[in-house]
Amino acid sequence: MKPSQFRARRSERGMTTAEYTVGTLGACTVGGVLVKIGQSEWFGDLVKDLLDKIPGMIPGL
């Protein structure tokens, strides 16, 4: 195998360290936003209202 072929195959093997860093940072950012939303008062009220309405939506309960 020629060195140029090896480099071409190697570049398609997977993520590099920089790509892992960007992926990890993105995942942490999304997680942080979800935690912040989950801790807000309006989200708690929304979940409570939804859970209170579920029994009325199921026939026979």
PDB file of N, CA and C in Angstrom:
ATOM      1  N   MET A   1       0.854  -1.178   0.000  1.00  0.00           N
ATOM      2  CA  MET A   1       0.000   0.000   0.000  1.00  0.00           C
ATOM      3  C   MET A   1       0.895   1.235   0.000  1.00  0.00           C
ATOM      4  N   LYS A   2       0.569   2.207  -0.826  1.00  0.00           N
ATOM      5  CA  LYS A   2       1.342   3.437  -0.923  1.00  0.00           C
ATOM      6  C   LYS A   2       1.046   4.321   0.296  1.00  0.00           C
ATOM      7  N   PRO A   3       2.015   5.145   0.717  1.00  0.00           N
ATOM      8  CA  PRO A   3       1.777   6.036   1.867  1.00  0.00           C
ATOM      9  C   PRO A   3       0.572   6.947   1.679  1.00  0.00           C
ATOM     10  N   SER A   4       0.334   7.403   0.452  1.00  0.00           N
ATOM     11  CA  SER A   4      -0.812   8.286   0.227  1.00  0.00           C
ATOM     12  C   SER A   4      -2.130   7.543   0.435  1.00  0.00           C
ATOM     13  N   GLN A   5      -2.164   6.259   0.088  1.00  0.00           N
ATOM     14  CA  GLN A   5      -3.370   5.456   0.310  1.00  0.00           C
ATOM     15  C   GLN A   5      -3.588   5.240   1.797  1.00  0.00           C
ATOM     16  N   PHE A   6      -2.495   5.036   2.539  1.00  0.00           N
ATOM     17  CA  PHE A   6      -2.614   4.827   3.985  1.00  0.00           C
ATOM     18  C   PHE A   6      -3.181   6.065   4.663  1.00  0.00           C
ATOM     19  N   ARG A   7      -2.714   7.248   4.257  1.00  0.00           N
ATOM     20  CA  ARG A   7      -3.226   8.488   4.850  1.00  0.00           C
ATOM     21  C   ARG A   7      -4.700   8.677   4.534  1.00  0.00           C
ATOM     22  N   ALA A   8      -5.110   8.323   3.344  1.00  0.00           N
ATOM     23  CA  ALA A   8      -6.515   8.482   2.962  1.00  0.00           C
ATOM     24  C   ALA A   8      -7.395   7.550   3.783  1.00  0.00           C
ATOM     25  N   ARG A   9      -6.967   6.333   3.988  1.00  0.00           N
ATOM     26  CA  ARG A   9      -7.755   5.386   4.797  1.00  0.00           C
ATOM     27  C   ARG A   9      -7.745   5.784   6.259  1.00  0.00           C
ATOM     28  N   ARG A  10      -6.606   6.268   6.731  1.00  0.00           N
ATOM     29  CA  ARG A  10      -6.482   6.634   8.138  1.00  0.00           C
ATOM     30  C   ARG A  10      -7.414   7.798   8.482  1.00  0.00           C
ATOM     31  N   SER A  11      -7.582   8.730   7.563  1.00  0.00           N
ATOM     32  CA  SER A  11      -8.413   9.899   7.841  1.00  0.00           C
ATOM     33  C   SER A  11      -9.887   9.531   7.957  1.00  0.00           C
ATOM     34  N   GLU A  12     -10.285   8.361   7.492  1.00  0.00           N
ATOM     35  CA  GLU A  12     -11.680   7.950   7.552  1.00  0.00           C
ATOM     36  C   GLU A  12     -11.943   6.940   8.671  1.00  0.00           C
ATOM     37  N   ARG A  13     -10.976   6.705   9.510  1.00  0.00           N
ATOM     38  CA  ARG A  13     -11.119   5.686  10.550  1.00  0.00           C
ATOM     39  C   ARG A  13     -12.061   6.100  11.669  1.00  0.00           C
ATOM     40  N   GLY A  14     -12.088   7.331  12.032  1.00  0.00           N
ATOM     41  CA  GLY A  14     -12.937   7.760  13.140  1.00  0.00           C
ATOM     42  C   GLY A  14     -12.631   9.198  13.505  1.00  0.00           C
ATOM     43  N   MET A  15     -13.138   9.596  14.652  1.00  0.00           N
ATOM     44  CA  MET A  15     -12.953  10.973  15.068  1.00  0.00           C
ATOM     45  C   MET A  15     -11.543  11.194  15.601  1.00  0.00           C
ATOM     46  N   THR A  16     -11.035  12.383  15.376  1.00  0.00           N
ATOM     47  CA  THR A  16      -9.761  12.772  15.948  1.00  0.00           C
ATOM     48  C   THR A  16     -10.011  13.405  17.307  1.00  0.00           C
ATOM     49  N   THR A  17      -8.938  13.734  17.986  1.00  0.00           N
ATOM     50  CA  THR A  17      -9.072  14.328  19.314  1.00  0.00           C
ATOM     51  C   THR A  17      -9.872  15.626  19.266  1.00  0.00           C
ATOM     52  N   ALA A  18      -9.643  16.437  18.262  1.00  0.00           N
ATOM     53  CA  ALA A  18     -10.386  17.700  18.152  1.00  0.00           C
ATOM     54  C   ALA A  18     -11.875  17.445  17.938  1.00  0.00           C
ATOM     55  N   GLU A  19     -12.199  16.441  17.145  1.00  0.00           N
ATOM     56  CA  GLU A  19     -13.619  16.127  16.916  1.00  0.00           C
ATOM     57  C   GLU A  19     -14.268  15.588  18.182  1.00  0.00           C
ATOM     58  N   TYR A  20     -13.524  14.783  18.954  1.00  0.00           N
ATOM     59  CA  TYR A  20     -14.058  14.323  20.234  1.00  0.00           C
ATOM     60  C   TYR A  20     -14.300  15.503  21.166  1.00  0.00           C
ATOM     61  N   THR A  21     -13.397  16.458  21.155  1.00  0.00           N
ATOM     62  CA  THR A  21     -13.547  17.636  22.011  1.00  0.00           C
ATOM     63  C   THR A  21     -14.793  18.428  21.637  1.00  0.00           C
ATOM     64  N   VAL A  22     -14.988  18.664  20.357  1.00  0.00           N
ATOM     65  CA  VAL A  22     -16.163  19.416  19.915  1.00  0.00           C
ATOM     66  C   VAL A  22     -17.442  18.639  20.219  1.00  0.00           C
ATOM     67  N   GLY A  23     -17.427  17.331  19.991  1.00  0.00           N
ATOM     68  CA  GLY A  23     -18.604  16.509  20.286  1.00  0.00           C
ATOM     69  C   GLY A  23     -18.940  16.494  21.764  1.00  0.00           C
ATOM     70  N   THR A  24     -17.909  16.366  22.600  1.00  0.00           N
ATOM     71  CA  THR A  24     -18.116  16.365  24.052  1.00  0.00           C
ATOM     72  C   THR A  24     -18.629  17.716  24.530  1.00  0.00           C
ATOM     73  N   LEU A  25     -18.055  18.779  24.009  1.00  0.00           N
ATOM     74  CA  LEU A  25     -18.502  20.120  24.389  1.00  0.00           C
ATOM     75  C   LEU A  25     -19.956  20.346  23.979  1.00  0.00           C
ATOM     76  N   GLY A  26     -20.320  19.890  22.794  1.00  0.00           N
ATOM     77  CA  GLY A  26     -21.700  20.028  22.340  1.00  0.00           C
ATOM     78  C   GLY A  26     -22.667  19.244  23.217  1.00  0.00           C
ATOM     79  N   ALA A  27     -22.284  18.012  23.569  1.00  0.00           N
ATOM     80  CA  ALA A  27     -23.147  17.191  24.423  1.00  0.00           C
ATOM     81  C   ALA A  27     -23.308  17.805  25.810  1.00  0.00           C
ATOM     82  N   CYS A  28     -22.226  18.340  26.354  1.00  0.00           N
ATOM     83  CA  CYS A  28     -22.307  18.992  27.668  1.00  0.00           C
ATOM     84  C   CYS A  28     -23.168  20.243  27.623  1.00  0.00           C
ATOM     85  N   THR A  29     -23.082  20.981  26.535  1.00  0.00           N
ATOM     86  CA  THR A  29     -23.896  22.190  26.390  1.00  0.00           C
ATOM     87  C   THR A  29     -25.377  21.847  26.339  1.00  0.00           C
ATOM     88  N   VAL A  30     -25.726  20.845  25.539  1.00  0.00           N
ATOM     89  CA  VAL A  30     -27.128  20.424  25.455  1.00  0.00           C
ATOM     90  C   VAL A  30     -27.606  19.921  26.816  1.00  0.00           C
ATOM     91  N   GLY A  31     -26.777  19.134  27.489  1.00  0.00           N
ATOM     92  CA  GLY A  31     -27.139  18.632  28.820  1.00  0.00           C
ATOM     93  C   GLY A  31     -27.351  19.758  29.809  1.00  0.00           C
ATOM     94  N   GLY A  32     -26.479  20.759  29.777  1.00  0.00           N
ATOM     95  CA  GLY A  32     -26.627  21.898  30.682  1.00  0.00           C
ATOM     96  C   GLY A  32     -27.901  22.681  30.431  1.00  0.00           C
ATOM     97  N   VAL A  33     -28.242  22.856  29.166  1.00  0.00           N
ATOM     98  CA  VAL A  33     -29.487  23.559  28.831  1.00  0.00           C
ATOM     99  C   VAL A  33     -30.692  22.768  29.325  1.00  0.00           C
ATOM    100  N   LEU A  34     -30.666  21.448  29.133  1.00  0.00           N
ATOM    101  CA  LEU A  34     -31.785  20.622  29.594  1.00  0.00           C
ATOM    102  C   LEU A  34     -31.919  20.645  31.115  1.00  0.00           C
ATOM    103  N   VAL A  35     -30.804  20.633  31.827  1.00  0.00           N
ATOM    104  CA  VAL A  35     -30.855  20.714  33.297  1.00  0.00           C
ATOM    105  C   VAL A  35     -31.436  22.052  33.728  1.00  0.00           C
ATOM    106  N   LYS A  36     -30.993  23.116  33.084  1.00  0.00           N
ATOM    107  CA  LYS A  36     -31.493  24.449  33.440  1.00  0.00           C
ATOM    108  C   LYS A  36     -33.001  24.556  33.180  1.00  0.00           C
ATOM    109  N   ILE A  37     -33.459  24.028  32.059  1.00  0.00           N
ATOM    110  CA  ILE A  37     -34.891  24.047  31.755  1.00  0.00           C
ATOM    111  C   ILE A  37     -35.649  23.194  32.767  1.00  0.00           C
ATOM    112  N   GLY A  38     -35.099  22.037  33.106  1.00  0.00           N
ATOM    113  CA  GLY A  38     -35.763  21.143  34.055  1.00  0.00           C
ATOM    114  C   GLY A  38     -35.888  21.721  35.447  1.00  0.00           C
ATOM    115  N   GLN A  39     -34.996  22.648  35.798  1.00  0.00           N
ATOM    116  CA  GLN A  39     -35.041  23.259  37.124  1.00  0.00           C
ATOM    117  C   GLN A  39     -35.940  24.487  37.184  1.00  0.00           C
ATOM    118  N   SER A  40     -36.436  24.940  36.044  1.00  0.00           N
ATOM    119  CA  SER A  40     -37.264  26.142  36.044  1.00  0.00           C
ATOM    120  C   SER A  40     -38.660  25.831  36.581  1.00  0.00           C
ATOM    121  N   GLU A  41     -39.265  26.849  37.153  1.00  0.00           N
ATOM    122  CA  GLU A  41     -40.582  26.688  37.778  1.00  0.00           C
ATOM    123  C   GLU A  41     -41.669  26.372  36.751  1.00  0.00           C
ATOM    124  N   TRP A  42     -41.625  27.031  35.591  1.00  0.00           N
ATOM    125  CA  TRP A  42     -42.664  26.810  34.582  1.00  0.00           C
ATOM    126  C   TRP A  42     -42.628  25.390  34.045  1.00  0.00           C
ATOM    127  N   PHE A  43     -41.443  24.802  33.952  1.00  0.00           N
ATOM    128  CA  PHE A  43     -41.346  23.426  33.467  1.00  0.00           C
ATOM    129  C   PHE A  43     -41.950  22.462  34.490  1.00  0.00           C
ATOM    130  N   GLY A  44     -41.698  22.705  35.763  1.00  0.00           N
ATOM    131  CA  GLY A  44     -42.295  21.876  36.818  1.00  0.00           C
ATOM    132  C   GLY A  44     -43.812  21.962  36.795  1.00  0.00           C
ATOM    133  N   ASP A  45     -44.336  23.174  36.609  1.00  0.00           N
ATOM    134  CA  ASP A  45     -45.786  23.355  36.512  1.00  0.00           C
ATOM    135  C   ASP A  45     -46.351  22.642  35.285  1.00  0.00           C
ATOM    136  N   LEU A  46     -45.626  22.705  34.166  1.00  0.00           N
ATOM    137  CA  LEU A  46     -46.057  22.042  32.949  1.00  0.00           C
ATOM    138  C   LEU A  46     -46.151  20.529  33.138  1.00  0.00           C
ATOM    139  N   VAL A  47     -45.140  19.943  33.764  1.00  0.00           N
ATOM    140  CA  VAL A  47     -45.136  18.492  34.006  1.00  0.00           C
ATOM    141  C   VAL A  47     -46.258  18.113  34.964  1.00  0.00           C
ATOM    142  N   LYS A  48     -46.457  18.915  36.006  1.00  0.00           N
ATOM    143  CA  LYS A  48     -47.523  18.631  36.978  1.00  0.00           C
ATOM    144  C   LYS A  48     -48.889  18.683  36.309  1.00  0.00           C
ATOM    145  N   ASP A  49     -49.132  19.701  35.494  1.00  0.00           N
ATOM    146  CA  ASP A  49     -50.412  19.819  34.781  1.00  0.00           C
ATOM    147  C   ASP A  49     -50.629  18.636  33.840  1.00  0.00           C
ATOM    148  N   LEU A  50     -49.564  18.242  33.152  1.00  0.00           N
ATOM    149  CA  LEU A  50     -49.662  17.105  32.239  1.00  0.00           C
ATOM    150  C   LEU A  50     -50.005  15.823  32.989  1.00  0.00           C
ATOM    151  N   LEU A  51     -49.344  15.591  34.110  1.00  0.00           N
ATOM    152  CA  LEU A  51     -49.621  14.385  34.891  1.00  0.00           C
ATOM    153  C   LEU A  51     -51.021  14.406  35.493  1.00  0.00           C
ATOM    154  N   ASP A  52     -51.515  15.583  35.825  1.00  0.00           N
ATOM    155  CA  ASP A  52     -52.891  15.692  36.359  1.00  0.00           C
ATOM    156  C   ASP A  52     -53.942  15.413  35.285  1.00  0.00           C
ATOM    157  N   LYS A  53     -53.634  15.696  34.012  1.00  0.00           N
ATOM    158  CA  LYS A  53     -54.599  15.503  32.933  1.00  0.00           C
ATOM    159  C   LYS A  53     -54.608  14.070  32.392  1.00  0.00           C
ATOM    160  N   ILE A  54     -53.565  13.315  32.608  1.00  0.00           N
ATOM    161  CA  ILE A  54     -53.471  11.969  32.031  1.00  0.00           C
ATOM    162  C   ILE A  54     -54.632  11.058  32.464  1.00  0.00           C
ATOM    163  N   PRO A  55     -55.007  11.001  33.744  1.00  0.00           N
ATOM    164  CA  PRO A  55     -56.133  10.105  34.112  1.00  0.00           C
ATOM    165  C   PRO A  55     -57.435  10.452  33.406  1.00  0.00           C
ATOM    166  N   GLY A  56     -57.672  11.720  33.125  1.00  0.00           N
ATOM    167  CA  GLY A  56     -58.899  12.112  32.428  1.00  0.00           C
ATOM    168  C   GLY A  56     -58.880  11.759  30.948  1.00  0.00           C
ATOM    169  N   MET A  57     -57.700  11.516  30.396  1.00  0.00           N
ATOM    170  CA  MET A  57     -57.588  11.191  28.988  1.00  0.00           C
ATOM    171  C   MET A  57     -57.729   9.692  28.724  1.00  0.00           C
ATOM    172  N   ILE A  58     -57.591   8.885  29.756  1.00  0.00           N
ATOM    173  CA  ILE A  58     -57.684   7.421  29.587  1.00  0.00           C
ATOM    174  C   ILE A  58     -59.090   6.978  29.970  1.00  0.00           C
ATOM    175  N   PRO A  59     -59.813   6.399  28.998  1.00  0.00           N
ATOM    176  CA  PRO A  59     -61.162   5.943  29.302  1.00  0.00           C
ATOM    177  C   PRO A  59     -61.148   4.784  30.311  1.00  0.00           C
ATOM    178  N   GLY A  60     -62.081   4.820  31.213  1.00  0.00           N
ATOM    179  CA  GLY A  60     -62.219   3.739  32.186  1.00  0.00           C
ATOM    180  C   GLY A  60     -61.505   4.001  33.499  1.00  0.00           C
ATOM    181  N   LEU A  61     -60.829   5.146  33.633  1.00  0.00           N
ATOM    182  CA  LEU A  61     -60.169   5.447  34.917  1.00  0.00           C
ATOM    183  C   LEU A  61     -60.966   6.427  35.715  1.00  0.00           C
TER     184      LEU A  61
END
